[in-house]
Amino acid sequence: KQIYDELHLYRHVPRKLSIVEQKKIHTLPLVFKQRSGGNIGENMKVYKRSFFFTAMLWLFLLVATINTITFLAYTISDHTHDMLTAVAVKDTRQQLKAMVNSEIARIDQKRKAAVELLRSELNILSAQLQHLPVEQLDFFLRATISEYQADKNTPQLFAALYNTDSDSLTFYGRQNKQFDRYEEIQADFRKELSVKQCHIMLYAYQEDVDLLVKQQIYNELASADDTDNTHFWVNQILNFKGGERYAIRIISPRLKTSEGTYLSTGEQDLSGNFPYRTELEGLLEDGELFQSRHFKNDMGDAAAAEYEYAKLYKPFQWVVAVGKPVQDTVHYADALFRCGSKYIRRLAAIHTAVIISIFVLAFAGLTVLFLRALRRLRKADGPQNWPIDALHGNEQMLCDSCSAALKKGRTLSLFLIDVDNMHRIDRRYGRKMAQTILKQTALCIQETIGVGNRIYSWGDDSFVVIASEENGAECSLLANKIIRNVGLTPYLVSDEYFHITVSIGGTLLTNSDIDLTQPMTRAEHALKRAKEQGKNCYVEELQ
């Protein structure tokens, strides 16, 4: 009995009851009817089997999708290598083209700078000659022209002095061209002036300016560093029709021994191709060419293939070319491939994570639907209707009726009733038996409080009673009567008789209670105190 008192749960062996007890027990459950339909247990098995097969199908689709994404990622990665190689070759072409265009632009700039320097020197000499006496003109011109021709960093200057009195013509500087008369002198750059009876012409030729620029370009390219594994060379075309000695190699920093050698369009490289013929045809057609070829190093050993970009510089009839090993482009393509593969696989991982998230969310939704279906089945597996209404949703109507009763001078009490140890019954005998006991308890409470008072369900295991009595003492008596009747009433469930107990927290309703919030709070406090005092008792808390 001490164990039973602690649990507040009394389980009795079936015994022979009196006729009154049997009538009371067997009449209580008569208001409940089993839900019509098929076998609930079978339905739950069907639901479980459906959920299992759906989960397996979901898992199969998830694995298949992940494998498909992985396969596509690796397939795309493999097919991307050829595309990236083409991109690397295109980038190499653009790089070499930019280098050649930059070099040609530098040659043009040097030519313009040399011409500007020449014009400036002509103007300076002209200004100096204007202020010299006639007797000093010959000496000044000889000394100045000799100085210019000795300087390798300035264009070659020439001068001619014509004295009208003596009808004599004097030339200054080593000249390849001879003129008999002053008027026959032809030059690309000239500056004329007169000092009394003397006519002076300062002049120069574009070919001398170009020779100076060529020497500067040669010096710069010869000392150029090919740390980036690219190298320049320059060929000068002698015959645009091709053939033997169609061009001459004038600059080649990497192959110094090839400078000054003549080239032929009939020459083959290590692969059996004709690179110079292909180069000449491309230059004649488009003015530029991009191709791959093989070359030899300084020792004459065979070397790897390289990409070549060449462009024709018409003022010099130069073919300015730059080369880069094919292996560098292959390494660049491999680097792009590694980066691209890493990106593709990372993207595949992101897509896989997204798909897994979608599948997980969908599976979670399916699980929720399954649990709801099971919950509906469990609810259907037992009595169909509660004998009482739920308090939730009826608060306003109850408040209005309570306000009307208070105005008539009635005393209203609110009881919050909780079945003791219901969680133990639920855990030991199942929710179906617990629900049956709760519904029979509700009928017992309804029978105890009479027709004039109302009972509502509250939560899972609790009830709310609104009692209207003459005074507060009668309300307290009614609460104790509920405790006594519930405790003394046996409940027949699955051929077993149960006695249960309830704890009640109560409070009186007043006119200041505009809704049920404050009374429910007081009743909950009182119920908590009743639980702390050992349960199976009534505690009242006043305002």
Protein backbone atom coordinates (compact mmCIF):
# COMPACT_ATOMS: atom_id res chain seq x y z
CA LYS A 1 0.00 0.00 0.00
CA GLN A 2 2.93 2.39 0.60
CA ILE A 3 4.14 1.77 -2.96
CA TYR A 4 0.62 2.40 -4.28
CA ASP A 5 0.26 5.53 -2.18
CA GLU A 6 3.53 6.83 -3.65
CA LEU A 7 2.46 6.17 -7.19
CA HIS A 8 -1.15 7.28 -6.57
CA LEU A 9 -2.08 4.46 -8.90
CA TYR A 10 -4.13 1.55 -7.63
CA ARG A 11 -4.40 -1.57 -9.70
CA HIS A 12 -6.80 -4.25 -8.43
CA VAL A 13 -7.17 -7.85 -9.34
CA PRO A 14 -10.59 -8.41 -10.94
CA ARG A 15 -13.14 -9.24 -8.26
CA LYS A 16 -16.84 -9.76 -8.16
CA LEU A 17 -18.54 -6.41 -7.77
CA SER A 18 -21.92 -5.54 -6.47
CA ILE A 19 -24.78 -4.97 -8.88
CA VAL A 20 -24.64 -1.20 -8.27
CA GLU A 21 -20.87 -1.08 -8.99
CA GLN A 22 -21.22 -3.20 -12.12
CA LYS A 23 -24.03 -0.98 -13.37
CA LYS A 24 -22.03 2.18 -12.69
CA ILE A 25 -18.87 0.84 -14.31
CA HIS A 26 -20.51 -0.53 -17.41
CA THR A 27 -22.69 2.49 -18.07
CA LEU A 28 -19.85 4.99 -18.16
CA PRO A 29 -18.18 3.85 -21.38
CA LEU A 30 -21.49 3.44 -23.23
CA VAL A 31 -21.36 7.01 -24.56
CA PHE A 32 -18.22 6.19 -26.53
CA LYS A 33 -18.40 4.37 -29.83
CA GLN A 34 -15.58 2.83 -31.80
CA ARG A 35 -14.76 4.60 -34.99
CA SER A 36 -16.16 2.84 -37.98
CA GLY A 37 -13.80 1.62 -40.71
CA GLY A 38 -11.15 -1.03 -41.25
CA ASN A 39 -8.58 -2.49 -38.95
CA ILE A 40 -6.51 0.33 -37.50
CA GLY A 41 -3.51 -1.91 -36.84
CA GLU A 42 -3.46 -3.08 -40.42
CA ASN A 43 -3.68 0.50 -41.64
CA MET A 44 -0.70 1.45 -39.49
CA LYS A 45 1.30 -1.47 -40.92
CA VAL A 46 0.44 -0.29 -44.43
CA TYR A 47 1.55 3.23 -43.54
CA LYS A 48 4.83 1.96 -42.11
CA ARG A 49 5.52 -0.23 -45.13
CA SER A 50 4.73 2.68 -47.47
CA PHE A 51 7.01 4.96 -45.50
CA PHE A 52 9.82 2.39 -45.58
CA PHE A 53 9.60 1.86 -49.34
CA THR A 54 9.30 5.61 -49.95
CA ALA A 55 12.37 6.24 -47.81
CA MET A 56 14.31 3.57 -49.73
CA LEU A 57 13.22 5.12 -53.03
CA TRP A 58 14.22 8.54 -51.74
CA LEU A 59 17.63 7.23 -50.70
CA PHE A 60 18.12 5.52 -54.07
CA LEU A 61 17.26 8.73 -55.94
CA LEU A 62 19.65 10.68 -53.72
CA VAL A 63 22.54 8.28 -54.34
CA ALA A 64 21.79 8.14 -58.08
CA THR A 65 21.69 11.93 -58.31
CA ILE A 66 24.98 12.34 -56.43
CA ASN A 67 26.65 9.71 -58.62
CA THR A 68 25.33 11.41 -61.76
CA ILE A 69 26.65 14.79 -60.65
CA THR A 70 30.03 13.27 -59.81
CA PHE A 71 30.20 11.49 -63.17
CA LEU A 72 29.24 14.66 -65.06
CA ALA A 73 31.81 16.66 -63.09
CA TYR A 74 34.64 14.30 -64.04
CA THR A 75 33.41 14.00 -67.64
CA ILE A 76 33.19 17.75 -68.07
CA SER A 77 36.58 18.11 -66.43
CA ASP A 78 38.15 15.66 -68.89
CA HIS A 79 36.54 17.23 -71.95
CA THR A 80 37.54 20.66 -70.70
CA HIS A 81 41.26 19.86 -71.05
CA ASP A 82 41.18 20.14 -74.86
CA MET A 83 39.22 23.34 -74.66
CA LEU A 84 41.63 24.80 -72.12
CA THR A 85 44.57 23.79 -74.32
CA ALA A 86 43.00 25.75 -77.18
CA VAL A 87 42.50 28.68 -74.81
CA ALA A 88 46.13 28.46 -73.70
CA VAL A 89 47.33 28.47 -77.33
CA LYS A 90 45.12 31.48 -78.02
CA ASP A 91 46.50 33.27 -74.97
CA THR A 92 50.04 32.46 -76.12
CA ARG A 93 49.26 33.91 -79.54
CA GLN A 94 47.90 37.08 -77.95
CA GLN A 95 50.95 37.33 -75.70
CA LEU A 96 53.42 36.93 -78.56
CA LYS A 97 51.44 39.29 -80.75
CA ALA A 98 51.47 41.93 -78.04
CA MET A 99 55.27 41.54 -77.67
CA VAL A 100 55.87 41.91 -81.43
CA ASN A 101 53.51 44.89 -81.71
CA SER A 102 55.24 46.50 -78.77
CA GLU A 103 58.65 45.99 -80.39
CA ILE A 104 57.44 47.40 -83.73
CA ALA A 105 55.92 50.37 -81.96
CA ARG A 106 59.28 50.91 -80.24
CA ILE A 107 61.06 50.84 -83.62
CA ASP A 108 58.63 53.43 -84.99
CA GLN A 109 59.15 55.57 -81.93
CA LYS A 110 62.92 55.37 -82.32
CA ARG A 111 62.65 56.35 -85.99
CA LYS A 112 60.52 59.34 -85.12
CA ALA A 113 62.89 60.33 -82.31
CA ALA A 114 65.88 60.06 -84.68
CA VAL A 115 64.14 62.22 -87.29
CA GLU A 116 63.23 64.81 -84.67
CA LEU A 117 66.83 64.83 -83.45
CA LEU A 118 68.08 65.28 -87.01
CA ARG A 119 65.74 68.19 -87.71
CA SER A 120 66.77 69.80 -84.43
CA GLU A 121 70.47 69.47 -85.32
CA LEU A 122 69.85 70.97 -88.76
CA ASN A 123 68.10 73.98 -87.21
CA ILE A 124 70.89 74.48 -84.68
CA LEU A 125 73.62 74.34 -87.33
CA SER A 126 71.65 76.68 -89.58
CA ALA A 127 71.35 79.23 -86.79
CA GLN A 128 75.09 79.02 -86.08
CA LEU A 129 76.02 79.47 -89.74
CA GLN A 130 73.88 82.59 -90.03
CA HIS A 131 76.20 84.47 -87.68
CA LEU A 132 79.53 83.39 -89.13
CA PRO A 133 81.60 85.45 -91.55
CA VAL A 134 82.12 84.07 -95.01
CA GLU A 135 85.81 83.39 -94.35
CA GLN A 136 84.98 80.93 -91.52
CA LEU A 137 82.22 78.97 -93.23
CA ASP A 138 84.50 76.40 -94.83
CA PHE A 139 86.40 75.66 -91.61
CA PHE A 140 83.24 75.43 -89.52
CA LEU A 141 81.51 73.06 -91.94
CA ARG A 142 84.52 70.75 -92.21
CA ALA A 143 84.93 70.50 -88.46
CA THR A 144 81.23 70.12 -87.67
CA ILE A 145 80.41 67.54 -90.37
CA SER A 146 83.47 65.46 -89.42
CA GLU A 147 82.34 65.49 -85.80
CA TYR A 148 78.84 64.32 -86.71
CA GLN A 149 80.11 61.52 -88.93
CA ALA A 150 82.43 60.31 -86.20
CA ASP A 151 79.56 60.12 -83.69
CA LYS A 152 77.85 56.75 -83.99
CA ASN A 153 74.84 57.88 -81.92
CA THR A 154 73.70 60.61 -84.30
CA PRO A 155 72.52 60.42 -87.92
CA GLN A 156 75.03 61.16 -90.70
CA LEU A 157 74.98 64.83 -91.83
CA PHE A 158 76.25 66.26 -95.10
CA ALA A 159 76.76 69.81 -96.30
CA ALA A 160 77.34 71.62 -99.60
CA LEU A 161 78.75 75.18 -99.97
CA TYR A 162 78.25 77.07 -103.25
CA ASN A 163 80.07 80.40 -103.73
CA THR A 164 78.40 82.45 -106.45
CA ASP A 165 81.38 84.82 -106.83
CA SER A 166 83.88 82.06 -107.58
CA ASP A 167 81.23 79.63 -108.96
CA SER A 168 82.73 76.87 -106.79
CA LEU A 169 80.85 73.92 -105.15
CA THR A 170 82.30 72.20 -102.10
CA PHE A 171 80.91 69.02 -100.43
CA TYR A 172 81.53 68.04 -96.80
CA GLY A 173 81.28 64.45 -95.52
CA ARG A 174 81.83 61.04 -97.07
CA GLN A 175 79.08 60.68 -99.64
CA ASN A 176 78.05 57.74 -101.76
CA LYS A 177 76.18 60.01 -104.12
CA GLN A 178 77.96 62.60 -106.27
CA PHE A 179 76.35 65.73 -107.66
CA ASP A 180 77.76 68.07 -110.28
CA ARG A 181 75.62 71.06 -109.52
CA TYR A 182 74.15 72.58 -106.39
CA GLU A 183 70.62 72.32 -107.78
CA GLU A 184 70.97 68.56 -108.39
CA ILE A 185 71.37 67.68 -104.73
CA GLN A 186 68.54 65.32 -103.63
CA ALA A 187 68.02 64.40 -99.98
CA ASP A 188 65.26 63.27 -97.63
CA PHE A 189 66.08 66.01 -95.11
CA ARG A 190 67.58 69.34 -96.11
CA LYS A 191 68.09 72.83 -94.75
CA GLU A 192 69.22 75.74 -97.01
CA LEU A 193 70.51 79.18 -96.07
CA SER A 194 72.51 82.00 -97.64
CA VAL A 195 75.38 83.99 -96.15
CA LYS A 196 76.17 86.84 -98.50
CA GLN A 197 77.41 85.35 -101.79
CA CYS A 198 77.48 81.77 -100.34
CA HIS A 199 74.61 79.28 -100.51
CA ILE A 200 74.75 76.49 -97.92
CA MET A 201 72.74 73.23 -97.88
CA LEU A 202 72.67 70.91 -94.85
CA TYR A 203 71.12 67.53 -95.70
CA ALA A 204 70.74 63.88 -94.64
CA TYR A 205 69.17 60.64 -95.85
CA GLN A 206 66.45 58.46 -94.35
CA GLU A 207 68.55 55.35 -94.91
CA ASP A 208 71.22 56.75 -92.63
CA VAL A 209 68.59 57.46 -89.98
CA ASP A 210 67.24 53.90 -90.38
CA LEU A 211 70.76 52.49 -90.13
CA LEU A 212 71.22 54.24 -86.81
CA VAL A 213 67.85 52.92 -85.54
CA LYS A 214 68.69 49.38 -86.71
CA GLN A 215 71.94 49.48 -84.80
CA GLN A 216 70.13 50.63 -81.66
CA ILE A 217 67.52 47.88 -82.01
CA TYR A 218 70.25 45.30 -82.55
CA ASN A 219 72.09 46.40 -79.42
CA GLU A 220 68.91 46.27 -77.33
CA LEU A 221 67.73 42.88 -78.56
CA ALA A 222 71.22 41.40 -78.34
CA SER A 223 71.34 42.24 -74.63
CA ALA A 224 67.70 41.29 -73.98
CA ASP A 225 67.03 38.79 -71.22
CA ASP A 226 64.77 35.82 -72.03
CA THR A 227 63.94 34.93 -68.45
CA ASP A 228 60.31 34.44 -69.46
CA ASN A 229 61.50 31.80 -71.97
CA THR A 230 60.62 33.94 -75.00
CA HIS A 231 63.14 35.22 -77.50
CA PHE A 232 63.17 37.64 -80.45
CA TRP A 233 64.80 37.34 -83.84
CA VAL A 234 64.70 39.54 -86.93
CA ASN A 235 65.01 38.52 -90.57
CA GLN A 236 65.28 40.96 -93.43
CA ILE A 237 63.51 39.91 -96.61
CA LEU A 238 65.57 40.33 -99.75
CA ASN A 239 63.20 38.70 -102.23
CA PHE A 240 59.46 38.49 -101.58
CA LYS A 241 59.18 35.78 -104.25
CA GLY A 242 61.00 33.33 -102.01
CA GLY A 243 63.60 30.82 -103.03
CA GLU A 244 67.25 30.57 -102.07
CA ARG A 245 68.60 33.53 -100.13
CA TYR A 246 65.16 35.12 -99.97
CA ALA A 247 66.06 36.60 -96.54
CA ILE A 248 68.96 37.09 -94.16
CA ARG A 249 69.05 36.64 -90.40
CA ILE A 250 70.22 39.95 -88.95
CA ILE A 251 69.32 39.61 -85.24
CA SER A 252 69.16 36.42 -83.19
CA PRO A 253 70.29 36.79 -79.56
CA ARG A 254 69.74 33.09 -78.79
CA LEU A 255 71.49 31.79 -81.91
CA LYS A 256 74.35 34.23 -82.46
CA THR A 257 75.97 31.92 -85.00
CA SER A 258 72.93 32.24 -87.29
CA GLU A 259 73.27 36.03 -87.66
CA GLY A 260 74.27 36.94 -91.20
CA THR A 261 73.17 33.58 -92.66
CA TYR A 262 70.84 33.47 -95.63
CA LEU A 263 67.50 31.71 -95.40
CA SER A 264 65.63 29.64 -97.96
CA THR A 265 61.93 28.86 -98.34
CA GLY A 266 62.93 25.33 -99.22
CA GLU A 267 64.47 24.68 -95.81
CA GLN A 268 62.75 22.06 -93.63
CA ASP A 269 62.58 21.90 -89.85
CA LEU A 270 62.89 18.79 -87.69
CA SER A 271 59.28 17.84 -88.35
CA GLY A 272 59.63 17.96 -92.14
CA ASN A 273 57.69 21.22 -92.46
CA PHE A 274 58.73 24.34 -94.40
CA PRO A 275 58.50 27.09 -91.76
CA TYR A 276 60.06 29.86 -93.86
CA ARG A 277 57.78 29.18 -96.81
CA THR A 278 54.76 29.15 -94.53
CA GLU A 279 56.02 32.33 -92.86
CA LEU A 280 56.51 34.18 -96.16
CA GLU A 281 53.10 33.13 -97.50
CA GLY A 282 51.38 34.26 -94.29
CA LEU A 283 53.21 37.59 -94.27
CA LEU A 284 52.33 38.28 -97.91
CA GLU A 285 48.69 37.44 -97.28
CA ASP A 286 47.97 38.97 -93.85
CA GLY A 287 51.16 40.76 -92.84
CA GLU A 288 51.47 38.47 -89.80
CA LEU A 289 51.66 34.77 -88.98
CA PHE A 290 51.29 32.43 -85.99
CA GLN A 291 52.66 28.90 -86.32
CA SER A 292 54.50 26.14 -84.49
CA ARG A 293 57.95 25.04 -85.57
CA HIS A 294 61.10 23.25 -84.41
CA PHE A 295 64.50 24.82 -83.97
CA LYS A 296 68.04 23.97 -82.96
CA ASN A 297 70.06 25.43 -80.15
CA ASP A 298 73.57 26.88 -80.27
CA MET A 299 75.13 23.42 -80.10
CA GLY A 300 73.12 22.20 -83.08
CA ASP A 301 71.12 19.76 -80.95
CA ALA A 302 67.46 19.17 -81.67
CA ALA A 303 65.21 21.20 -79.45
CA ALA A 304 61.50 21.08 -78.64
CA ALA A 305 58.81 22.72 -80.70
CA GLU A 306 57.90 26.34 -80.14
CA TYR A 307 55.17 28.73 -81.13
CA GLU A 308 56.22 31.63 -83.38
CA TYR A 309 54.47 34.90 -84.07
CA ALA A 310 55.96 37.01 -86.89
CA LYS A 311 54.97 40.36 -88.36
CA LEU A 312 56.30 42.30 -91.33
CA TYR A 313 57.73 45.76 -90.69
CA LYS A 314 57.60 47.25 -94.15
CA PRO A 315 59.87 50.34 -93.70
CA PHE A 316 62.84 48.04 -92.99
CA GLN A 317 61.44 44.95 -94.78
CA TRP A 318 62.02 43.25 -91.48
CA VAL A 319 60.25 40.16 -90.18
CA VAL A 320 60.07 40.76 -86.44
CA ALA A 321 59.38 37.43 -84.76
CA VAL A 322 59.17 36.07 -81.24
CA GLY A 323 59.08 32.46 -80.11
CA LYS A 324 57.96 30.58 -77.02
CA PRO A 325 58.35 26.84 -76.26
CA VAL A 326 55.23 24.75 -76.76
CA GLN A 327 55.94 23.07 -73.43
CA ASP A 328 55.33 26.35 -71.62
CA THR A 329 51.90 26.59 -73.22
CA VAL A 330 51.19 22.98 -72.23
CA HIS A 331 52.14 23.77 -68.63
CA TYR A 332 49.90 26.83 -68.75
CA ALA A 333 47.02 24.70 -70.09
CA ASP A 334 47.60 22.16 -67.31
CA ALA A 335 47.50 24.95 -64.72
CA LEU A 336 44.22 26.20 -66.19
CA PHE A 337 42.93 22.64 -66.19
CA ARG A 338 43.79 22.17 -62.52
CA CYS A 339 42.09 25.43 -61.60
CA GLY A 340 39.09 24.60 -63.76
CA SER A 341 38.82 21.08 -62.37
CA LYS A 342 38.99 22.42 -58.84
CA TYR A 343 36.25 24.93 -59.63
CA ILE A 344 34.09 22.29 -61.36
CA ARG A 345 34.45 19.87 -58.49
CA ARG A 346 33.75 22.61 -55.98
CA LEU A 347 30.65 23.55 -57.96
CA ALA A 348 29.64 19.88 -58.07
CA ALA A 349 30.11 19.69 -54.30
CA ILE A 350 27.91 22.75 -53.83
CA HIS A 351 25.22 21.28 -56.10
CA THR A 352 25.47 17.98 -54.25
CA ALA A 353 25.06 19.76 -50.91
CA VAL A 354 22.04 21.66 -52.24
CA ILE A 355 20.46 18.47 -53.58
CA ILE A 356 21.15 16.65 -50.32
CA SER A 357 19.53 19.54 -48.45
CA ILE A 358 16.50 19.39 -50.72
CA PHE A 359 16.24 15.63 -50.26
CA VAL A 360 16.63 15.97 -46.50
CA LEU A 361 13.94 18.66 -46.33
CA ALA A 362 11.65 16.62 -48.54
CA PHE A 363 12.29 13.54 -46.42
CA ALA A 364 11.64 15.56 -43.28
CA GLY A 365 8.35 16.74 -44.78
CA LEU A 366 7.47 13.15 -45.68
CA THR A 367 8.32 12.09 -42.13
CA VAL A 368 6.09 14.83 -40.70
CA LEU A 369 3.23 13.72 -42.93
CA PHE A 370 3.79 10.11 -41.87
CA LEU A 371 3.83 11.02 -38.18
CA ARG A 372 0.64 13.04 -38.59
CA ALA A 373 -0.98 10.11 -40.32
CA LEU A 374 0.07 7.82 -37.48
CA ARG A 375 -1.22 10.34 -34.98
CA ARG A 376 -4.56 10.43 -36.75
CA LEU A 377 -4.65 6.65 -36.74
CA ARG A 378 -3.85 6.52 -33.03
CA LYS A 379 -6.56 9.08 -32.34
CA ALA A 380 -8.96 7.03 -34.40
CA ASP A 381 -7.96 3.89 -32.53
CA GLY A 382 -10.26 4.50 -29.52
CA PRO A 383 -13.31 6.49 -28.48
CA GLN A 384 -14.45 8.89 -31.13
CA ASN A 385 -15.79 11.90 -29.26
CA TRP A 386 -14.95 13.57 -26.02
CA PRO A 387 -17.93 14.03 -23.76
CA ILE A 388 -16.83 17.63 -23.04
CA ASP A 389 -15.75 20.70 -25.01
CA ALA A 390 -12.26 22.10 -25.14
CA LEU A 391 -11.69 25.36 -23.31
CA HIS A 392 -9.54 26.68 -26.19
CA GLY A 393 -11.76 28.57 -28.58
CA ASN A 394 -14.61 29.07 -26.05
CA GLU A 395 -12.94 31.59 -23.74
CA GLN A 396 -14.95 34.62 -24.87
CA MET A 397 -18.31 32.86 -24.62
CA LEU A 398 -17.36 31.53 -21.16
CA CYS A 399 -16.27 35.02 -20.02
CA ASP A 400 -19.59 36.50 -21.12
CA SER A 401 -21.59 33.86 -19.23
CA CYS A 402 -19.39 34.28 -16.13
CA SER A 403 -19.87 38.06 -16.19
CA ALA A 404 -23.63 37.60 -16.38
CA ALA A 405 -23.59 35.16 -13.44
CA LEU A 406 -21.46 37.49 -11.31
CA LYS A 407 -23.84 40.37 -11.94
CA LYS A 408 -26.66 38.22 -10.55
CA GLY A 409 -24.73 37.76 -7.30
CA ARG A 410 -23.62 34.19 -7.88
CA THR A 411 -20.27 32.90 -6.59
CA LEU A 412 -18.13 31.37 -9.34
CA SER A 413 -15.13 29.15 -8.81
CA LEU A 414 -12.58 27.99 -11.38
CA PHE A 415 -11.07 24.54 -10.77
CA LEU A 416 -7.97 23.41 -12.67
CA ILE A 417 -8.02 19.59 -12.35
CA ASP A 418 -5.00 17.45 -13.26
CA VAL A 419 -4.95 13.62 -13.23
CA ASP A 420 -2.08 12.47 -11.06
CA ASN A 421 0.68 10.36 -12.58
CA MET A 422 -1.00 10.16 -15.95
CA HIS A 423 2.39 10.13 -17.67
CA ARG A 424 3.20 6.88 -15.86
CA ILE A 425 -0.04 5.31 -17.02
CA ASP A 426 0.66 6.52 -20.53
CA ARG A 427 4.18 5.11 -20.47
CA ARG A 428 3.19 1.79 -18.87
CA TYR A 429 -0.10 0.96 -20.58
CA GLY A 430 -0.05 3.08 -23.72
CA ARG A 431 -1.85 6.19 -24.88
CA LYS A 432 -4.97 4.32 -25.86
CA MET A 433 -5.65 3.18 -22.29
CA ALA A 434 -4.68 6.63 -20.93
CA GLN A 435 -7.19 8.31 -23.25
CA THR A 436 -9.90 5.91 -22.15
CA ILE A 437 -9.22 6.64 -18.49
CA LEU A 438 -9.21 10.40 -19.10
CA LYS A 439 -12.57 10.28 -20.85
CA GLN A 440 -14.12 8.18 -18.12
CA THR A 441 -12.68 10.60 -15.56
CA ALA A 442 -14.30 13.49 -17.43
CA LEU A 443 -17.67 11.72 -17.22
CA CYS A 444 -17.19 11.13 -13.49
CA ILE A 445 -16.40 14.83 -12.94
CA GLN A 446 -19.37 15.88 -15.07
CA GLU A 447 -21.66 13.62 -13.07
CA THR A 448 -20.26 15.01 -9.81
CA ILE A 449 -20.63 18.74 -10.58
CA GLY A 450 -24.11 18.40 -11.96
CA VAL A 451 -25.88 19.94 -14.92
CA GLY A 452 -25.59 23.57 -13.85
CA ASN A 453 -21.81 23.62 -13.90
CA ARG A 454 -19.46 23.28 -16.90
CA ILE A 455 -16.33 21.19 -17.50
CA TYR A 456 -13.83 21.76 -20.27
CA SER A 457 -10.73 19.88 -21.39
CA TRP A 458 -7.43 21.70 -20.94
CA GLY A 459 -4.25 20.38 -22.47
CA ASP A 460 -3.62 16.64 -22.61
CA ASP A 461 -4.36 15.49 -19.05
CA SER A 462 -6.21 18.39 -17.37
CA PHE A 463 -9.73 19.77 -17.02
CA VAL A 464 -11.21 23.15 -16.15
CA VAL A 465 -14.46 23.35 -14.16
CA ILE A 466 -16.53 26.52 -13.73
CA ALA A 467 -18.74 25.97 -10.66
CA SER A 468 -21.57 28.27 -9.60
CA GLU A 469 -22.53 28.00 -5.92
CA GLU A 470 -24.14 30.12 -3.24
CA ASN A 471 -20.82 30.85 -1.49
CA GLY A 472 -17.13 29.96 -1.48
CA ALA A 473 -17.55 27.20 1.13
CA GLU A 474 -19.83 25.25 -1.16
CA CYS A 475 -17.26 25.58 -3.96
CA SER A 476 -14.61 24.07 -1.70
CA LEU A 477 -16.94 21.24 -0.80
CA LEU A 478 -17.60 20.61 -4.48
CA ALA A 479 -13.88 20.35 -5.19
CA ASN A 480 -13.35 17.82 -2.40
CA LYS A 481 -16.38 15.89 -3.65
CA ILE A 482 -14.77 15.65 -7.08
CA ILE A 483 -11.56 14.31 -5.51
CA ARG A 484 -13.50 11.75 -3.47
CA ASN A 485 -15.71 10.49 -6.32
CA VAL A 486 -12.83 10.20 -8.78
CA GLY A 487 -10.69 8.34 -6.26
CA LEU A 488 -13.48 5.92 -5.33
CA THR A 489 -14.64 5.18 -8.84
CA PRO A 490 -13.11 2.04 -10.40
CA TYR A 491 -12.35 2.17 -14.12
CA LEU A 492 -12.57 -0.95 -16.22
CA VAL A 493 -9.98 -0.97 -19.00
CA SER A 494 -8.95 -4.17 -20.80
CA ASP A 495 -10.36 -6.39 -18.04
CA GLU A 496 -8.52 -4.46 -15.34
CA TYR A 497 -9.91 -2.09 -12.73
CA PHE A 498 -8.10 1.17 -11.97
CA HIS A 499 -8.44 3.80 -9.27
CA ILE A 500 -6.87 7.17 -10.00
CA THR A 501 -6.52 10.43 -8.11
CA VAL A 502 -6.70 14.07 -9.15
CA SER A 503 -5.19 17.28 -7.82
CA ILE A 504 -7.23 20.49 -7.96
CA GLY A 505 -6.13 24.11 -7.87
CA GLY A 506 -9.01 26.57 -7.45
CA THR A 507 -9.78 30.27 -7.30
CA LEU A 508 -12.80 32.51 -7.06
CA LEU A 509 -13.82 34.65 -10.03
CA THR A 510 -14.41 38.34 -9.37
CA ASN A 511 -15.73 41.29 -11.33
CA SER A 512 -12.15 42.55 -11.81
CA ASP A 513 -11.29 39.49 -13.91
CA ILE A 514 -11.93 40.82 -17.39
CA ASP A 515 -10.84 37.51 -18.95
CA LEU A 516 -9.61 34.08 -17.85
CA THR A 517 -5.89 34.95 -17.90
CA GLN A 518 -5.58 36.01 -14.26
CA PRO A 519 -7.91 33.32 -12.83
CA MET A 520 -6.05 30.61 -14.77
CA THR A 521 -2.74 31.91 -13.43
CA ARG A 522 -4.02 31.74 -9.86
CA ALA A 523 -5.45 28.27 -10.44
CA GLU A 524 -2.13 27.06 -11.88
CA HIS A 525 -0.30 28.35 -8.80
CA ALA A 526 -2.80 26.59 -6.55
CA LEU A 527 -2.47 23.35 -8.56
CA LYS A 528 1.30 23.50 -8.21
CA ARG A 529 0.93 23.82 -4.45
CA ALA A 530 -1.48 20.87 -4.42
CA LYS A 531 1.11 18.75 -6.26
CA GLU A 532 3.77 19.82 -3.77
CA GLN A 533 1.51 18.83 -0.83
CA GLY A 534 1.38 15.24 -2.03
CA LYS A 535 -1.32 15.35 -4.71
CA ASN A 536 -4.89 14.09 -4.38
CA CYS A 537 -5.93 17.31 -2.65
CA TYR A 538 -7.53 20.69 -3.26
CA VAL A 539 -5.73 24.02 -2.76
CA GLU A 540 -7.42 27.37 -3.27
CA GLU A 541 -5.72 30.67 -4.03
CA LEU A 542 -7.67 33.89 -3.63
CA GLN A 543 -7.02 37.16 -5.41
